[in-house]
Amino acid sequence: MLNRSELKTAAFAAVTVSVFGVSALVSAEDGETGLLARAQPMFKPLPETAETADRPVTAARLELGLALFFETRVSSDGKQSCA
């Protein structure tokens, strides 16, 4: 019987095969350590800021972002915000 970690790994492999049509990248014996070791080079940390030279962070953009984040009128039912 598989333990919880092995079940999660096997489920991930099954989804990978069914969705992407490729052979499984992970085996049930591999465990989370092997999966993490292969995943880390693929995913880099997010930058400290989304600011670029042509799109600087300004007070007006921050204010707009906050207003949109807490706005409920843009949701499908008009009751839910991103917050």
N, C-alpha and C. Protein backbone atom coordinates (compact mmCIF):
# COMPACT_ATOMS: atom_id res chain seq x y z
N MET A 1 0.84 -1.18 0.00
CA MET A 1 0.00 0.00 0.00
C MET A 1 0.89 1.25 0.00
N LEU A 2 0.52 2.24 -0.79
CA LEU A 2 1.30 3.47 -0.90
C LEU A 2 1.02 4.39 0.28
N ASN A 3 2.07 5.09 0.74
CA ASN A 3 1.84 6.09 1.78
C ASN A 3 1.33 7.37 1.13
N ARG A 4 1.03 8.37 1.93
CA ARG A 4 0.43 9.61 1.42
C ARG A 4 1.33 10.31 0.40
N SER A 5 2.62 10.39 0.69
CA SER A 5 3.55 11.04 -0.22
C SER A 5 3.61 10.31 -1.56
N GLU A 6 3.65 8.99 -1.51
CA GLU A 6 3.70 8.21 -2.74
C GLU A 6 2.41 8.37 -3.54
N LEU A 7 1.27 8.46 -2.85
CA LEU A 7 0.00 8.67 -3.55
C LEU A 7 -0.03 10.01 -4.26
N LYS A 8 0.47 11.06 -3.59
CA LYS A 8 0.50 12.39 -4.21
C LYS A 8 1.39 12.38 -5.45
N THR A 9 2.54 11.73 -5.33
CA THR A 9 3.48 11.67 -6.45
C THR A 9 2.88 10.89 -7.61
N ALA A 10 2.24 9.77 -7.30
CA ALA A 10 1.62 8.96 -8.34
C ALA A 10 0.48 9.72 -9.01
N ALA A 11 -0.30 10.47 -8.23
CA ALA A 11 -1.40 11.26 -8.79
C ALA A 11 -0.86 12.34 -9.72
N PHE A 12 0.22 12.99 -9.31
CA PHE A 12 0.84 14.00 -10.16
C PHE A 12 1.30 13.40 -11.48
N ALA A 13 1.92 12.24 -11.40
CA ALA A 13 2.40 11.58 -12.62
C ALA A 13 1.24 11.21 -13.53
N ALA A 14 0.15 10.73 -12.96
CA ALA A 14 -1.02 10.35 -13.76
C ALA A 14 -1.62 11.56 -14.45
N VAL A 15 -1.71 12.67 -13.74
CA VAL A 15 -2.24 13.90 -14.34
C VAL A 15 -1.32 14.39 -15.43
N THR A 16 -0.02 14.32 -15.20
CA THR A 16 0.96 14.75 -16.21
C THR A 16 0.77 13.96 -17.49
N VAL A 17 0.62 12.66 -17.36
CA VAL A 17 0.45 11.81 -18.54
C VAL A 17 -0.86 12.11 -19.23
N SER A 18 -1.96 12.22 -18.46
CA SER A 18 -3.27 12.41 -19.09
C SER A 18 -3.42 13.80 -19.70
N VAL A 19 -2.87 14.81 -19.08
CA VAL A 19 -3.02 16.18 -19.58
C VAL A 19 -2.04 16.48 -20.70
N PHE A 20 -0.78 16.10 -20.52
CA PHE A 20 0.25 16.49 -21.47
C PHE A 20 0.60 15.38 -22.45
N GLY A 21 0.11 14.18 -22.22
CA GLY A 21 0.37 13.09 -23.13
C GLY A 21 1.84 12.68 -23.19
N VAL A 22 2.53 12.84 -22.10
CA VAL A 22 3.94 12.44 -22.05
C VAL A 22 4.11 11.36 -21.00
N SER A 23 5.22 10.66 -21.08
CA SER A 23 5.48 9.64 -20.07
C SER A 23 5.70 10.32 -18.72
N ALA A 24 5.41 9.60 -17.67
CA ALA A 24 5.50 10.15 -16.33
C ALA A 24 6.92 10.62 -16.02
N LEU A 25 7.02 11.79 -15.42
CA LEU A 25 8.31 12.34 -15.05
C LEU A 25 8.72 11.89 -13.65
N VAL A 26 7.78 11.34 -12.90
CA VAL A 26 8.01 10.98 -11.52
C VAL A 26 7.46 9.59 -11.27
N SER A 27 8.18 8.81 -10.55
CA SER A 27 7.66 7.50 -10.18
C SER A 27 7.21 7.54 -8.72
N ALA A 28 6.40 6.59 -8.31
CA ALA A 28 5.92 6.54 -6.94
C ALA A 28 7.08 6.37 -5.97
N GLU A 29 8.16 5.71 -6.40
CA GLU A 29 9.30 5.49 -5.53
C GLU A 29 10.16 6.73 -5.37
N ASP A 30 10.03 7.67 -6.30
CA ASP A 30 10.86 8.87 -6.34
C ASP A 30 10.68 9.73 -5.10
N GLY A 31 9.46 9.93 -4.68
CA GLY A 31 9.18 10.75 -3.51
C GLY A 31 9.28 12.23 -3.79
N GLU A 32 8.96 13.01 -2.78
CA GLU A 32 8.90 14.45 -2.92
C GLU A 32 10.29 15.08 -3.06
N THR A 33 11.31 14.47 -2.49
CA THR A 33 12.65 15.04 -2.57
C THR A 33 13.14 15.08 -4.02
N GLY A 34 12.95 13.99 -4.75
CA GLY A 34 13.36 13.96 -6.15
C GLY A 34 12.55 14.93 -6.99
N LEU A 35 11.25 15.00 -6.71
CA LEU A 35 10.39 15.93 -7.44
C LEU A 35 10.83 17.37 -7.21
N LEU A 36 11.13 17.70 -5.97
CA LEU A 36 11.57 19.05 -5.64
C LEU A 36 12.90 19.37 -6.31
N ALA A 37 13.80 18.41 -6.33
CA ALA A 37 15.11 18.62 -6.96
C ALA A 37 14.96 18.90 -8.45
N ARG A 38 14.03 18.25 -9.12
CA ARG A 38 13.82 18.50 -10.55
C ARG A 38 13.02 19.77 -10.80
N ALA A 39 12.15 20.14 -9.88
CA ALA A 39 11.30 21.31 -10.08
C ALA A 39 12.05 22.62 -9.84
N GLN A 40 12.97 22.65 -8.90
CA GLN A 40 13.65 23.90 -8.54
C GLN A 40 14.34 24.58 -9.72
N PRO A 41 15.04 23.88 -10.62
CA PRO A 41 15.65 24.59 -11.75
C PRO A 41 14.63 25.16 -12.74
N MET A 42 13.41 24.61 -12.74
CA MET A 42 12.38 25.07 -13.67
C MET A 42 11.69 26.34 -13.20
N PHE A 43 11.61 26.54 -11.90
CA PHE A 43 10.87 27.66 -11.33
C PHE A 43 11.82 28.58 -10.59
N LYS A 44 11.94 29.80 -11.06
CA LYS A 44 12.83 30.78 -10.45
C LYS A 44 12.03 31.65 -9.48
N PRO A 45 12.67 32.24 -8.46
CA PRO A 45 11.96 33.13 -7.53
C PRO A 45 11.40 34.35 -8.26
N LEU A 46 10.30 34.86 -7.77
CA LEU A 46 9.71 36.07 -8.33
C LEU A 46 10.60 37.27 -7.99
N PRO A 47 10.64 38.27 -8.85
CA PRO A 47 11.44 39.46 -8.55
C PRO A 47 10.85 40.22 -7.36
N GLU A 48 11.66 41.02 -6.72
CA GLU A 48 11.21 41.80 -5.56
C GLU A 48 10.10 42.78 -5.94
N THR A 49 10.15 43.30 -7.17
CA THR A 49 9.15 44.27 -7.61
C THR A 49 8.80 44.00 -9.07
N ALA A 50 7.59 44.38 -9.45
CA ALA A 50 7.16 44.23 -10.84
C ALA A 50 7.50 45.46 -11.66
N GLU A 51 8.17 46.41 -11.03
CA GLU A 51 8.52 47.67 -11.69
C GLU A 51 9.55 47.45 -12.78
N THR A 52 9.33 48.12 -13.91
CA THR A 52 10.32 48.14 -14.99
C THR A 52 10.59 49.59 -15.35
N ALA A 53 11.58 49.81 -16.19
CA ALA A 53 11.94 51.18 -16.57
C ALA A 53 10.79 51.89 -17.29
N ASP A 54 10.06 51.14 -18.12
CA ASP A 54 8.95 51.78 -18.85
C ASP A 54 7.63 51.73 -18.09
N ARG A 55 7.56 51.03 -16.95
CA ARG A 55 6.35 50.97 -16.13
C ARG A 55 6.71 51.14 -14.66
N PRO A 56 7.10 52.35 -14.27
CA PRO A 56 7.50 52.57 -12.87
C PRO A 56 6.30 52.50 -11.92
N VAL A 57 6.58 52.12 -10.69
CA VAL A 57 5.53 52.11 -9.67
C VAL A 57 5.33 53.55 -9.22
N THR A 58 4.08 54.00 -9.31
CA THR A 58 3.74 55.37 -8.88
C THR A 58 2.62 55.28 -7.86
N ALA A 59 2.41 56.36 -7.16
CA ALA A 59 1.33 56.42 -6.17
C ALA A 59 -0.03 56.18 -6.85
N ALA A 60 -0.22 56.73 -8.03
CA ALA A 60 -1.49 56.56 -8.74
C ALA A 60 -1.72 55.09 -9.11
N ARG A 61 -0.68 54.40 -9.55
CA ARG A 61 -0.82 52.97 -9.90
C ARG A 61 -1.08 52.12 -8.67
N LEU A 62 -0.42 52.45 -7.57
CA LEU A 62 -0.68 51.73 -6.32
C LEU A 62 -2.12 51.93 -5.87
N GLU A 63 -2.60 53.15 -5.94
CA GLU A 63 -3.97 53.45 -5.56
C GLU A 63 -4.97 52.71 -6.44
N LEU A 64 -4.73 52.68 -7.75
CA LEU A 64 -5.59 51.96 -8.67
C LEU A 64 -5.57 50.46 -8.36
N GLY A 65 -4.39 49.90 -8.13
CA GLY A 65 -4.28 48.48 -7.81
C GLY A 65 -5.04 48.10 -6.56
N LEU A 66 -4.91 48.92 -5.53
CA LEU A 66 -5.66 48.66 -4.29
C LEU A 66 -7.16 48.76 -4.52
N ALA A 67 -7.59 49.77 -5.26
CA ALA A 67 -9.02 49.93 -5.53
C ALA A 67 -9.57 48.73 -6.29
N LEU A 68 -8.85 48.26 -7.29
CA LEU A 68 -9.31 47.10 -8.06
C LEU A 68 -9.27 45.82 -7.25
N PHE A 69 -8.27 45.67 -6.39
CA PHE A 69 -8.14 44.47 -5.58
C PHE A 69 -9.33 44.31 -4.63
N PHE A 70 -9.84 45.41 -4.11
CA PHE A 70 -10.95 45.36 -3.16
C PHE A 70 -12.32 45.63 -3.80
N GLU A 71 -12.35 45.88 -5.10
CA GLU A 71 -13.60 46.18 -5.80
C GLU A 71 -14.44 44.92 -6.00
N THR A 72 -15.71 44.99 -5.63
CA THR A 72 -16.61 43.84 -5.79
C THR A 72 -17.41 43.91 -7.09
N ARG A 73 -17.55 45.08 -7.68
CA ARG A 73 -18.40 45.21 -8.86
C ARG A 73 -17.86 44.50 -10.08
N VAL A 74 -16.58 44.15 -10.11
CA VAL A 74 -16.03 43.47 -11.28
C VAL A 74 -16.15 41.95 -11.21
N SER A 75 -16.72 41.43 -10.13
CA SER A 75 -16.91 39.98 -10.01
C SER A 75 -18.19 39.56 -10.74
N SER A 76 -18.32 38.28 -10.98
CA SER A 76 -19.49 37.79 -11.74
C SER A 76 -20.79 38.03 -10.99
N ASP A 77 -20.77 37.98 -9.65
CA ASP A 77 -22.00 38.22 -8.89
C ASP A 77 -22.05 39.58 -8.24
N GLY A 78 -20.99 40.38 -8.40
CA GLY A 78 -20.96 41.73 -7.83
C GLY A 78 -20.77 41.75 -6.33
N LYS A 79 -20.38 40.61 -5.74
CA LYS A 79 -20.27 40.53 -4.29
C LYS A 79 -18.87 40.13 -3.81
N GLN A 80 -18.01 39.66 -4.72
CA GLN A 80 -16.71 39.11 -4.33
C GLN A 80 -15.57 39.96 -4.89
N SER A 81 -14.59 40.26 -4.04
CA SER A 81 -13.39 40.96 -4.51
C SER A 81 -12.23 39.99 -4.52
N CYS A 82 -11.11 40.43 -5.05
CA CYS A 82 -9.90 39.59 -5.00
C CYS A 82 -9.43 39.38 -3.56
N ALA A 83 -9.71 40.36 -2.72
CA ALA A 83 -9.28 40.27 -1.32
C ALA A 83 -9.97 39.11 -0.66
